[in-house]
Amino acid sequence: MIKVCIYKKADLIRAFKISGHANSGPYGYDLVCAGVSAVSFGAVNAVTTLCDIDLKIDQADGGYLFVELPFSLSKEQARNANLILEAMVVSLQTIEREYKQFIQIKIQ
């Protein structure tokens, strides 16, 4: 199962962690894993490129991604990054609705 944990402070997403494997299909054909990967890496790339933010990223081959925003953001950067990350959460929740046996999302 893929476990997603969204870490919030003062209603803003400060970090997120994704770990595990969906195992919803054979290796290379796992649609849940592919969807989660596409959504999360798309959000990371969008925050980095569009908001000009250097994220703290820790990842490992095989199902682990931790992303944290720096504390030294302008209000505009924080607002824009949060909008992108909230869109990521909505997309992940859409996947969770259809494939709840393969993905679990917690917001803290």
PDB file of N, CA and C in Angstrom:
ATOM      1  N   MET A   1       0.839  -1.184   0.000  1.00  0.00           N
ATOM      2  CA  MET A   1       0.000   0.000   0.000  1.00  0.00           C
ATOM      3  C   MET A   1       0.883   1.246   0.000  1.00  0.00           C
ATOM      4  N   ILE A   2       0.444   2.239  -0.749  1.00  0.00           N
ATOM      5  CA  ILE A   2       1.118   3.537  -0.746  1.00  0.00           C
ATOM      6  C   ILE A   2       0.531   4.359   0.394  1.00  0.00           C
ATOM      7  N   LYS A   3       1.412   4.920   1.218  1.00  0.00           N
ATOM      8  CA  LYS A   3       0.969   5.778   2.312  1.00  0.00           C
ATOM      9  C   LYS A   3       1.463   7.193   2.042  1.00  0.00           C
ATOM     10  N   VAL A   4       0.526   8.127   2.090  1.00  0.00           N
ATOM     11  CA  VAL A   4       0.830   9.539   1.867  1.00  0.00           C
ATOM     12  C   VAL A   4       0.533  10.279   3.162  1.00  0.00           C
ATOM     13  N   CYS A   5       1.487  11.061   3.604  1.00  0.00           N
ATOM     14  CA  CYS A   5       1.278  11.890   4.792  1.00  0.00           C
ATOM     15  C   CYS A   5       1.568  13.341   4.412  1.00  0.00           C
ATOM     16  N   ILE A   6       0.581  14.191   4.612  1.00  0.00           N
ATOM     17  CA  ILE A   6       0.701  15.614   4.323  1.00  0.00           C
ATOM     18  C   ILE A   6       0.867  16.333   5.661  1.00  0.00           C
ATOM     19  N   TYR A   7       1.937  17.102   5.791  1.00  0.00           N
ATOM     20  CA  TYR A   7       2.219  17.819   7.037  1.00  0.00           C
ATOM     21  C   TYR A   7       1.879  19.295   6.853  1.00  0.00           C
ATOM     22  N   LYS A   8       0.942  19.782   7.681  1.00  0.00           N
ATOM     23  CA  LYS A   8       0.508  21.175   7.586  1.00  0.00           C
ATOM     24  C   LYS A   8       0.875  21.939   8.851  1.00  0.00           C
ATOM     25  N   LYS A   9       1.096  23.226   8.667  1.00  0.00           N
ATOM     26  CA  LYS A   9       1.282  24.138   9.796  1.00  0.00           C
ATOM     27  C   LYS A   9       0.600  25.441   9.413  1.00  0.00           C
ATOM     28  N   ALA A  10      -0.276  25.928  10.278  1.00  0.00           N
ATOM     29  CA  ALA A  10      -1.035  27.161  10.021  1.00  0.00           C
ATOM     30  C   ALA A  10      -1.762  27.084   8.679  1.00  0.00           C
ATOM     31  N   ASP A  11      -2.384  25.944   8.416  1.00  0.00           N
ATOM     32  CA  ASP A  11      -3.171  25.697   7.199  1.00  0.00           C
ATOM     33  C   ASP A  11      -2.360  25.670   5.906  1.00  0.00           C
ATOM     34  N   LEU A  12      -1.050  25.662   5.997  1.00  0.00           N
ATOM     35  CA  LEU A  12      -0.204  25.571   4.806  1.00  0.00           C
ATOM     36  C   LEU A  12       0.532  24.241   4.815  1.00  0.00           C
ATOM     37  N   ILE A  13       0.652  23.639   3.650  1.00  0.00           N
ATOM     38  CA  ILE A  13       1.427  22.406   3.535  1.00  0.00           C
ATOM     39  C   ILE A  13       2.900  22.761   3.674  1.00  0.00           C
ATOM     40  N   ARG A  14       3.562  22.149   4.641  1.00  0.00           N
ATOM     41  CA  ARG A  14       4.990  22.389   4.881  1.00  0.00           C
ATOM     42  C   ARG A  14       5.850  21.267   4.321  1.00  0.00           C
ATOM     43  N   ALA A  15       5.262  20.050   4.239  1.00  0.00           N
ATOM     44  CA  ALA A  15       6.018  18.895   3.766  1.00  0.00           C
ATOM     45  C   ALA A  15       5.040  17.779   3.420  1.00  0.00           C
ATOM     46  N   PHE A  16       5.542  16.786   2.687  1.00  0.00           N
ATOM     47  CA  PHE A  16       4.769  15.570   2.472  1.00  0.00           C
ATOM     48  C   PHE A  16       5.711  14.394   2.304  1.00  0.00           C
ATOM     49  N   LYS A  17       5.174  13.215   2.645  1.00  0.00           N
ATOM     50  CA  LYS A  17       5.933  11.978   2.518  1.00  0.00           C
ATOM     51  C   LYS A  17       5.068  10.951   1.812  1.00  0.00           C
ATOM     52  N   ILE A  18       5.649  10.259   0.853  1.00  0.00           N
ATOM     53  CA  ILE A  18       4.976   9.174   0.148  1.00  0.00           C
ATOM     54  C   ILE A  18       5.878   7.954   0.260  1.00  0.00           C
ATOM     55  N   SER A  19       5.307   6.847   0.726  1.00  0.00           N
ATOM     56  CA  SER A  19       6.114   5.639   0.867  1.00  0.00           C
ATOM     57  C   SER A  19       5.288   4.401   0.551  1.00  0.00           C
ATOM     58  N   GLY A  20       5.987   3.353   0.165  1.00  0.00           N
ATOM     59  CA  GLY A  20       5.334   2.080  -0.093  1.00  0.00           C
ATOM     60  C   GLY A  20       5.062   1.840  -1.562  1.00  0.00           C
ATOM     61  N   HIS A  21       4.402   0.721  -1.806  1.00  0.00           N
ATOM     62  CA  HIS A  21       4.059   0.300  -3.163  1.00  0.00           C
ATOM     63  C   HIS A  21       2.585  -0.074  -3.207  1.00  0.00           C
ATOM     64  N   ALA A  22       1.933   0.247  -4.305  1.00  0.00           N
ATOM     65  CA  ALA A  22       0.520  -0.087  -4.452  1.00  0.00           C
ATOM     66  C   ALA A  22       0.332  -1.579  -4.705  1.00  0.00           C
ATOM     67  N   ASN A  23       1.212  -2.165  -5.509  1.00  0.00           N
ATOM     68  CA  ASN A  23       1.074  -3.571  -5.911  1.00  0.00           C
ATOM     69  C   ASN A  23      -0.292  -3.836  -6.535  1.00  0.00           C
ATOM     70  N   SER A  24      -0.773  -2.870  -7.318  1.00  0.00           N
ATOM     71  CA  SER A  24      -2.073  -3.031  -7.972  1.00  0.00           C
ATOM     72  C   SER A  24      -1.944  -3.690  -9.339  1.00  0.00           C
ATOM     73  N   GLY A  25      -0.716  -3.965  -9.753  1.00  0.00           N
ATOM     74  CA  GLY A  25      -0.476  -4.619 -11.033  1.00  0.00           C
ATOM     75  C   GLY A  25       0.965  -5.073 -11.096  1.00  0.00           C
ATOM     76  N   PRO A  26       1.329  -5.769 -12.159  1.00  0.00           N
ATOM     77  CA  PRO A  26       2.713  -6.222 -12.297  1.00  0.00           C
ATOM     78  C   PRO A  26       3.680  -5.040 -12.363  1.00  0.00           C
ATOM     79  N   TYR A  27       4.924  -5.291 -11.961  1.00  0.00           N
ATOM     80  CA  TYR A  27       5.950  -4.249 -11.997  1.00  0.00           C
ATOM     81  C   TYR A  27       6.000  -3.634 -13.394  1.00  0.00           C
ATOM     82  N   GLY A  28       5.971  -2.318 -13.440  1.00  0.00           N
ATOM     83  CA  GLY A  28       5.982  -1.612 -14.716  1.00  0.00           C
ATOM     84  C   GLY A  28       4.598  -1.359 -15.292  1.00  0.00           C
ATOM     85  N   TYR A  29       3.580  -1.982 -14.704  1.00  0.00           N
ATOM     86  CA  TYR A  29       2.209  -1.819 -15.191  1.00  0.00           C
ATOM     87  C   TYR A  29       1.251  -1.439 -14.060  1.00  0.00           C
ATOM     88  N   ASP A  30       1.793  -0.931 -12.977  1.00  0.00           N
ATOM     89  CA  ASP A  30       1.005  -0.568 -11.807  1.00  0.00           C
ATOM     90  C   ASP A  30       0.460   0.847 -12.000  1.00  0.00           C
ATOM     91  N   LEU A  31      -0.810   0.942 -12.367  1.00  0.00           N
ATOM     92  CA  LEU A  31      -1.406   2.238 -12.687  1.00  0.00           C
ATOM     93  C   LEU A  31      -1.519   3.157 -11.474  1.00  0.00           C
ATOM     94  N   VAL A  32      -1.775   2.604 -10.305  1.00  0.00           N
ATOM     95  CA  VAL A  32      -1.871   3.438  -9.104  1.00  0.00           C
ATOM     96  C   VAL A  32      -0.513   4.055  -8.798  1.00  0.00           C
ATOM     97  N   CYS A  33       0.526   3.239  -8.835  1.00  0.00           N
ATOM     98  CA  CYS A  33       1.881   3.739  -8.583  1.00  0.00           C
ATOM     99  C   CYS A  33       2.263   4.795  -9.622  1.00  0.00           C
ATOM    100  N   ALA A  34       1.957   4.527 -10.866  1.00  0.00           N
ATOM    101  CA  ALA A  34       2.280   5.481 -11.930  1.00  0.00           C
ATOM    102  C   ALA A  34       1.536   6.796 -11.728  1.00  0.00           C
ATOM    103  N   GLY A  35       0.269   6.720 -11.349  1.00  0.00           N
ATOM    104  CA  GLY A  35      -0.514   7.929 -11.119  1.00  0.00           C
ATOM    105  C   GLY A  35       0.015   8.748  -9.956  1.00  0.00           C
ATOM    106  N   VAL A  36       0.323   8.080  -8.852  1.00  0.00           N
ATOM    107  CA  VAL A  36       0.856   8.772  -7.675  1.00  0.00           C
ATOM    108  C   VAL A  36       2.205   9.403  -8.003  1.00  0.00           C
ATOM    109  N   SER A  37       3.040   8.673  -8.717  1.00  0.00           N
ATOM    110  CA  SER A  37       4.356   9.205  -9.100  1.00  0.00           C
ATOM    111  C   SER A  37       4.216  10.424  -9.996  1.00  0.00           C
ATOM    112  N   ALA A  38       3.347  10.332 -10.993  1.00  0.00           N
ATOM    113  CA  ALA A  38       3.169  11.444 -11.927  1.00  0.00           C
ATOM    114  C   ALA A  38       2.644  12.690 -11.211  1.00  0.00           C
ATOM    115  N   VAL A  39       1.658  12.510 -10.358  1.00  0.00           N
ATOM    116  CA  VAL A  39       1.067  13.646  -9.642  1.00  0.00           C
ATOM    117  C   VAL A  39       2.086  14.279  -8.696  1.00  0.00           C
ATOM    118  N   SER A  40       2.784  13.456  -7.919  1.00  0.00           N
ATOM    119  CA  SER A  40       3.709  14.008  -6.920  1.00  0.00           C
ATOM    120  C   SER A  40       4.935  14.643  -7.562  1.00  0.00           C
ATOM    121  N   PHE A  41       5.535  13.984  -8.544  1.00  0.00           N
ATOM    122  CA  PHE A  41       6.705  14.574  -9.190  1.00  0.00           C
ATOM    123  C   PHE A  41       6.325  15.788 -10.033  1.00  0.00           C
ATOM    124  N   GLY A  42       5.125  15.782 -10.604  1.00  0.00           N
ATOM    125  CA  GLY A  42       4.649  16.963 -11.319  1.00  0.00           C
ATOM    126  C   GLY A  42       4.515  18.154 -10.391  1.00  0.00           C
ATOM    127  N   ALA A  43       3.996  17.922  -9.188  1.00  0.00           N
ATOM    128  CA  ALA A  43       3.861  19.006  -8.207  1.00  0.00           C
ATOM    129  C   ALA A  43       5.224  19.513  -7.754  1.00  0.00           C
ATOM    130  N   VAL A  44       6.148  18.601  -7.492  1.00  0.00           N
ATOM    131  CA  VAL A  44       7.500  18.997  -7.082  1.00  0.00           C
ATOM    132  C   VAL A  44       8.157  19.839  -8.170  1.00  0.00           C
ATOM    133  N   ASN A  45       8.064  19.388  -9.408  1.00  0.00           N
ATOM    134  CA  ASN A  45       8.660  20.135 -10.524  1.00  0.00           C
ATOM    135  C   ASN A  45       7.994  21.492 -10.706  1.00  0.00           C
ATOM    136  N   ALA A  46       6.676  21.558 -10.526  1.00  0.00           N
ATOM    137  CA  ALA A  46       5.962  22.829 -10.670  1.00  0.00           C
ATOM    138  C   ALA A  46       6.366  23.815  -9.577  1.00  0.00           C
ATOM    139  N   VAL A  47       6.454  23.351  -8.339  1.00  0.00           N
ATOM    140  CA  VAL A  47       6.861  24.246  -7.246  1.00  0.00           C
ATOM    141  C   VAL A  47       8.278  24.756  -7.486  1.00  0.00           C
ATOM    142  N   THR A  48       9.167  23.857  -7.871  1.00  0.00           N
ATOM    143  CA  THR A  48      10.563  24.241  -8.109  1.00  0.00           C
ATOM    144  C   THR A  48      10.675  25.255  -9.242  1.00  0.00           C
ATOM    145  N   THR A  49      10.000  24.991 -10.342  1.00  0.00           N
ATOM    146  CA  THR A  49      10.129  25.823 -11.540  1.00  0.00           C
ATOM    147  C   THR A  49       9.291  27.098 -11.472  1.00  0.00           C
ATOM    148  N   LEU A  50       8.021  26.974 -11.146  1.00  0.00           N
ATOM    149  CA  LEU A  50       7.115  28.120 -11.204  1.00  0.00           C
ATOM    150  C   LEU A  50       7.231  29.049  -9.999  1.00  0.00           C
ATOM    151  N   CYS A  51       7.607  28.495  -8.855  1.00  0.00           N
ATOM    152  CA  CYS A  51       7.704  29.308  -7.634  1.00  0.00           C
ATOM    153  C   CYS A  51       9.140  29.658  -7.278  1.00  0.00           C
ATOM    154  N   ASP A  52      10.083  29.123  -8.034  1.00  0.00           N
ATOM    155  CA  ASP A  52      11.515  29.365  -7.796  1.00  0.00           C
ATOM    156  C   ASP A  52      11.893  29.041  -6.350  1.00  0.00           C
ATOM    157  N   ILE A  53      11.527  27.824  -5.937  1.00  0.00           N
ATOM    158  CA  ILE A  53      11.793  27.370  -4.572  1.00  0.00           C
ATOM    159  C   ILE A  53      12.715  26.158  -4.629  1.00  0.00           C
ATOM    160  N   ASP A  54      13.746  26.194  -3.810  1.00  0.00           N
ATOM    161  CA  ASP A  54      14.671  25.073  -3.686  1.00  0.00           C
ATOM    162  C   ASP A  54      14.158  24.163  -2.571  1.00  0.00           C
ATOM    163  N   LEU A  55      13.472  23.099  -2.951  1.00  0.00           N
ATOM    164  CA  LEU A  55      12.867  22.190  -1.987  1.00  0.00           C
ATOM    165  C   LEU A  55      13.900  21.239  -1.397  1.00  0.00           C
ATOM    166  N   LYS A  56      13.663  20.816  -0.165  1.00  0.00           N
ATOM    167  CA  LYS A  56      14.456  19.739   0.421  1.00  0.00           C
ATOM    168  C   LYS A  56      13.787  18.440  -0.019  1.00  0.00           C
ATOM    169  N   ILE A  57      14.519  17.618  -0.768  1.00  0.00           N
ATOM    170  CA  ILE A  57      13.958  16.387  -1.316  1.00  0.00           C
ATOM    171  C   ILE A  57      14.816  15.212  -0.876  1.00  0.00           C
ATOM    172  N   ASP A  58      14.163  14.212  -0.324  1.00  0.00           N
ATOM    173  CA  ASP A  58      14.819  12.960   0.038  1.00  0.00           C
ATOM    174  C   ASP A  58      14.037  11.853  -0.658  1.00  0.00           C
ATOM    175  N   GLN A  59      14.720  11.102  -1.498  1.00  0.00           N
ATOM    176  CA  GLN A  59      14.030  10.033  -2.213  1.00  0.00           C
ATOM    177  C   GLN A  59      14.933   8.819  -2.320  1.00  0.00           C
ATOM    178  N   ALA A  60      14.288   7.687  -2.509  1.00  0.00           N
ATOM    179  CA  ALA A  60      15.016   6.440  -2.690  1.00  0.00           C
ATOM    180  C   ALA A  60      14.333   5.661  -3.800  1.00  0.00           C
ATOM    181  N   ASP A  61      15.126   4.944  -4.561  1.00  0.00           N
ATOM    182  CA  ASP A  61      14.531   4.060  -5.562  1.00  0.00           C
ATOM    183  C   ASP A  61      13.662   3.047  -4.830  1.00  0.00           C
ATOM    184  N   GLY A  62      12.492   2.869  -5.338  1.00  0.00           N
ATOM    185  CA  GLY A  62      11.648   1.847  -4.748  1.00  0.00           C
ATOM    186  C   GLY A  62      10.639   2.319  -3.736  1.00  0.00           C
ATOM    187  N   GLY A  63      10.078   3.496  -3.923  1.00  0.00           N
ATOM    188  CA  GLY A  63       8.904   3.852  -3.147  1.00  0.00           C
ATOM    189  C   GLY A  63       9.076   4.739  -1.937  1.00  0.00           C
ATOM    190  N   TYR A  64       9.896   5.770  -2.027  1.00  0.00           N
ATOM    191  CA  TYR A  64      10.001   6.717  -0.918  1.00  0.00           C
ATOM    192  C   TYR A  64      10.296   8.108  -1.455  1.00  0.00           C
ATOM    193  N   LEU A  65       9.499   9.082  -1.008  1.00  0.00           N
ATOM    194  CA  LEU A  65       9.718  10.481  -1.368  1.00  0.00           C
ATOM    195  C   LEU A  65       9.309  11.348  -0.181  1.00  0.00           C
ATOM    196  N   PHE A  66      10.231  12.201   0.261  1.00  0.00           N
ATOM    197  CA  PHE A  66       9.929  13.183   1.297  1.00  0.00           C
ATOM    198  C   PHE A  66      10.311  14.546   0.747  1.00  0.00           C
ATOM    199  N   VAL A  67       9.383  15.491   0.824  1.00  0.00           N
ATOM    200  CA  VAL A  67       9.609  16.838   0.297  1.00  0.00           C
ATOM    201  C   VAL A  67       9.226  17.842   1.377  1.00  0.00           C
ATOM    202  N   GLU A  68      10.121  18.811   1.593  1.00  0.00           N
ATOM    203  CA  GLU A  68       9.873  19.842   2.603  1.00  0.00           C
ATOM    204  C   GLU A  68      10.168  21.216   2.016  1.00  0.00           C
ATOM    205  N   LEU A  69       9.277  22.161   2.291  1.00  0.00           N
ATOM    206  CA  LEU A  69       9.499  23.533   1.858  1.00  0.00           C
ATOM    207  C   LEU A  69      10.413  24.243   2.849  1.00  0.00           C
ATOM    208  N   PRO A  70      11.267  25.137   2.360  1.00  0.00           N
ATOM    209  CA  PRO A  70      12.101  25.909   3.285  1.00  0.00           C
ATOM    210  C   PRO A  70      11.234  26.909   4.056  1.00  0.00           C
ATOM    211  N   PHE A  71      11.728  27.342   5.200  1.00  0.00           N
ATOM    212  CA  PHE A  71      10.975  28.301   6.012  1.00  0.00           C
ATOM    213  C   PHE A  71      11.117  29.727   5.497  1.00  0.00           C
ATOM    214  N   SER A  72      12.142  29.990   4.732  1.00  0.00           N
ATOM    215  CA  SER A  72      12.421  31.359   4.268  1.00  0.00           C
ATOM    216  C   SER A  72      11.761  31.642   2.920  1.00  0.00           C
ATOM    217  N   LEU A  73      10.436  31.614   2.895  1.00  0.00           N
ATOM    218  CA  LEU A  73       9.693  31.896   1.666  1.00  0.00           C
ATOM    219  C   LEU A  73       9.000  33.247   1.779  1.00  0.00           C
ATOM    220  N   SER A  74       8.888  33.919   0.638  1.00  0.00           N
ATOM    221  CA  SER A  74       8.063  35.126   0.618  1.00  0.00           C
ATOM    222  C   SER A  74       6.596  34.703   0.726  1.00  0.00           C
ATOM    223  N   LYS A  75       5.728  35.647   1.041  1.00  0.00           N
ATOM    224  CA  LYS A  75       4.299  35.332   1.121  1.00  0.00           C
ATOM    225  C   LYS A  75       3.776  34.820  -0.213  1.00  0.00           C
ATOM    226  N   GLU A  76       4.247  35.432  -1.298  1.00  0.00           N
ATOM    227  CA  GLU A  76       3.808  35.009  -2.630  1.00  0.00           C
ATOM    228  C   GLU A  76       4.284  33.590  -2.939  1.00  0.00           C
ATOM    229  N   GLN A  77       5.532  33.293  -2.634  1.00  0.00           N
ATOM    230  CA  GLN A  77       6.046  31.940  -2.862  1.00  0.00           C
ATOM    231  C   GLN A  77       5.256  30.917  -2.042  1.00  0.00           C
ATOM    232  N   ALA A  78       5.020  31.222  -0.778  1.00  0.00           N
ATOM    233  CA  ALA A  78       4.284  30.299   0.094  1.00  0.00           C
ATOM    234  C   ALA A  78       2.869  30.067  -0.428  1.00  0.00           C
ATOM    235  N   ARG A  79       2.205  31.132  -0.837  1.00  0.00           N
ATOM    236  CA  ARG A  79       0.837  31.027  -1.354  1.00  0.00           C
ATOM    237  C   ARG A  79       0.803  30.204  -2.637  1.00  0.00           C
ATOM    238  N   ASN A  80       1.696  30.498  -3.570  1.00  0.00           N
ATOM    239  CA  ASN A  80       1.712  29.787  -4.846  1.00  0.00           C
ATOM    240  C   ASN A  80       2.093  28.320  -4.681  1.00  0.00           C
ATOM    241  N   ALA A  81       3.099  28.057  -3.851  1.00  0.00           N
ATOM    242  CA  ALA A  81       3.509  26.670  -3.611  1.00  0.00           C
ATOM    243  C   ALA A  81       2.380  25.890  -2.958  1.00  0.00           C
ATOM    244  N   ASN A  82       1.696  26.521  -2.010  1.00  0.00           N
ATOM    245  CA  ASN A  82       0.605  25.836  -1.334  1.00  0.00           C
ATOM    246  C   ASN A  82      -0.531  25.509  -2.296  1.00  0.00           C
ATOM    247  N   LEU A  83      -0.819  26.401  -3.211  1.00  0.00           N
ATOM    248  CA  LEU A  83      -1.861  26.136  -4.201  1.00  0.00           C
ATOM    249  C   LEU A  83      -1.505  24.908  -5.042  1.00  0.00           C
ATOM    250  N   ILE A  84      -0.264  24.823  -5.479  1.00  0.00           N
ATOM    251  CA  ILE A  84       0.181  23.668  -6.270  1.00  0.00           C
ATOM    252  C   ILE A  84       0.108  22.391  -5.433  1.00  0.00           C
ATOM    253  N   LEU A  85       0.564  22.459  -4.194  1.00  0.00           N
ATOM    254  CA  LEU A  85       0.559  21.266  -3.345  1.00  0.00           C
ATOM    255  C   LEU A  85      -0.855  20.848  -2.952  1.00  0.00           C
ATOM    256  N   GLU A  86      -1.752  21.796  -2.759  1.00  0.00           N
ATOM    257  CA  GLU A  86      -3.156  21.454  -2.495  1.00  0.00           C
ATOM    258  C   GLU A  86      -3.780  20.781  -3.722  1.00  0.00           C
ATOM    259  N   ALA A  87      -3.401  21.240  -4.918  1.00  0.00           N
ATOM    260  CA  ALA A  87      -3.876  20.583  -6.143  1.00  0.00           C
ATOM    261  C   ALA A  87      -3.358  19.148  -6.202  1.00  0.00           C
ATOM    262  N   MET A  88      -2.114  18.941  -5.779  1.00  0.00           N
ATOM    263  CA  MET A  88      -1.564  17.584  -5.712  1.00  0.00           C
ATOM    264  C   MET A  88      -2.403  16.719  -4.775  1.00  0.00           C
ATOM    265  N   VAL A  89      -2.752  17.262  -3.610  1.00  0.00           N
ATOM    266  CA  VAL A  89      -3.551  16.509  -2.642  1.00  0.00           C
ATOM    267  C   VAL A  89      -4.906  16.139  -3.237  1.00  0.00           C
ATOM    268  N   VAL A  90      -5.552  17.069  -3.918  1.00  0.00           N
ATOM    269  CA  VAL A  90      -6.845  16.784  -4.553  1.00  0.00           C
ATOM    270  C   VAL A  90      -6.697  15.650  -5.566  1.00  0.00           C
ATOM    271  N   SER A  91      -5.644  15.690  -6.363  1.00  0.00           N
ATOM    272  CA  SER A  91      -5.406  14.626  -7.346  1.00  0.00           C
ATOM    273  C   SER A  91      -5.157  13.285  -6.664  1.00  0.00           C
ATOM    274  N   LEU A  92      -4.366  13.284  -5.599  1.00  0.00           N
ATOM    275  CA  LEU A  92      -4.108  12.038  -4.870  1.00  0.00           C
ATOM    276  C   LEU A  92      -5.382  11.513  -4.209  1.00  0.00           C
ATOM    277  N   GLN A  93      -6.223  12.403  -3.701  1.00  0.00           N
ATOM    278  CA  GLN A  93      -7.491  11.981  -3.099  1.00  0.00           C
ATOM    279  C   GLN A  93      -8.429  11.387  -4.145  1.00  0.00           C
ATOM    280  N   THR A  94      -8.347  11.876  -5.370  1.00  0.00           N
ATOM    281  CA  THR A  94      -9.138  11.301  -6.459  1.00  0.00           C
ATOM    282  C   THR A  94      -8.694   9.866  -6.722  1.00  0.00           C
ATOM    283  N   ILE A  95      -7.392   9.639  -6.728  1.00  0.00           N
ATOM    284  CA  ILE A  95      -6.872   8.278  -6.889  1.00  0.00           C
ATOM    285  C   ILE A  95      -7.318   7.414  -5.707  1.00  0.00           C
ATOM    286  N   GLU A  96      -7.234   7.966  -4.506  1.00  0.00           N
ATOM    287  CA  GLU A  96      -7.626   7.219  -3.306  1.00  0.00           C
ATOM    288  C   GLU A  96      -9.097   6.814  -3.350  1.00  0.00           C
ATOM    289  N   ARG A  97      -9.963   7.677  -3.848  1.00  0.00           N
ATOM    290  CA  ARG A  97     -11.396   7.350  -3.934  1.00  0.00           C
ATOM    291  C   ARG A  97     -11.637   6.115  -4.789  1.00  0.00           C
ATOM    292  N   GLU A  98     -10.901   5.992  -5.870  1.00  0.00           N
ATOM    293  CA  GLU A  98     -11.101   4.875  -6.795  1.00  0.00           C
ATOM    294  C   GLU A  98     -10.317   3.623  -6.407  1.00  0.00           C
ATOM    295  N   TYR A  99      -9.209   3.809  -5.703  1.00  0.00           N
ATOM    296  CA  TYR A  99      -8.298   2.694  -5.414  1.00  0.00           C
ATOM    297  C   TYR A  99      -7.905   2.675  -3.940  1.00  0.00           C
ATOM    298  N   LYS A 100      -8.898   2.803  -3.052  1.00  0.00           N
ATOM    299  CA  LYS A 100      -8.610   2.940  -1.620  1.00  0.00           C
ATOM    300  C   LYS A 100      -7.899   1.731  -1.017  1.00  0.00           C
ATOM    301  N   GLN A 101      -7.953   0.600  -1.683  1.00  0.00           N
ATOM    302  CA  GLN A 101      -7.243  -0.573  -1.169  1.00  0.00           C
ATOM    303  C   GLN A 101      -5.745  -0.499  -1.450  1.00  0.00           C
ATOM    304  N   PHE A 102      -5.318   0.500  -2.246  1.00  0.00           N
ATOM    305  CA  PHE A 102      -3.913   0.613  -2.631  1.00  0.00           C
ATOM    306  C   PHE A 102      -3.229   1.891  -2.150  1.00  0.00           C
ATOM    307  N   ILE A 103      -3.997   2.872  -1.670  1.00  0.00           N
ATOM    308  CA  ILE A 103      -3.410   4.149  -1.252  1.00  0.00           C
ATOM    309  C   ILE A 103      -4.181   4.704  -0.056  1.00  0.00           C
ATOM    310  N   GLN A 104      -3.438   5.252   0.888  1.00  0.00           N
ATOM    311  CA  GLN A 104      -4.030   5.847   2.090  1.00  0.00           C
ATOM    312  C   GLN A 104      -3.386   7.216   2.308  1.00  0.00           C
ATOM    313  N   ILE A 105      -4.223   8.233   2.510  1.00  0.00           N
ATOM    314  CA  ILE A 105      -3.735   9.601   2.699  1.00  0.00           C
ATOM    315  C   ILE A 105      -4.116  10.080   4.093  1.00  0.00           C
ATOM    316  N   LYS A 106      -3.127  10.641   4.793  1.00  0.00           N
ATOM    317  CA  LYS A 106      -3.370  11.260   6.098  1.00  0.00           C
ATOM    318  C   LYS A 106      -2.863  12.693   6.049  1.00  0.00           C
ATOM    319  N   ILE A 107      -3.634  13.586   6.647  1.00  0.00           N
ATOM    320  CA  ILE A 107      -3.233  14.991   6.732  1.00  0.00           C
ATOM    321  C   ILE A 107      -3.043  15.325   8.208  1.00  0.00           C
ATOM    322  N   GLN A 108      -1.851  15.806   8.527  1.00  0.00           N
ATOM    323  CA  GLN A 108      -1.524  16.122   9.924  1.00  0.00           C
ATOM    324  C   GLN A 108      -1.194  17.585  10.062  1.00  0.00           C
TER     325      GLN A 108
END
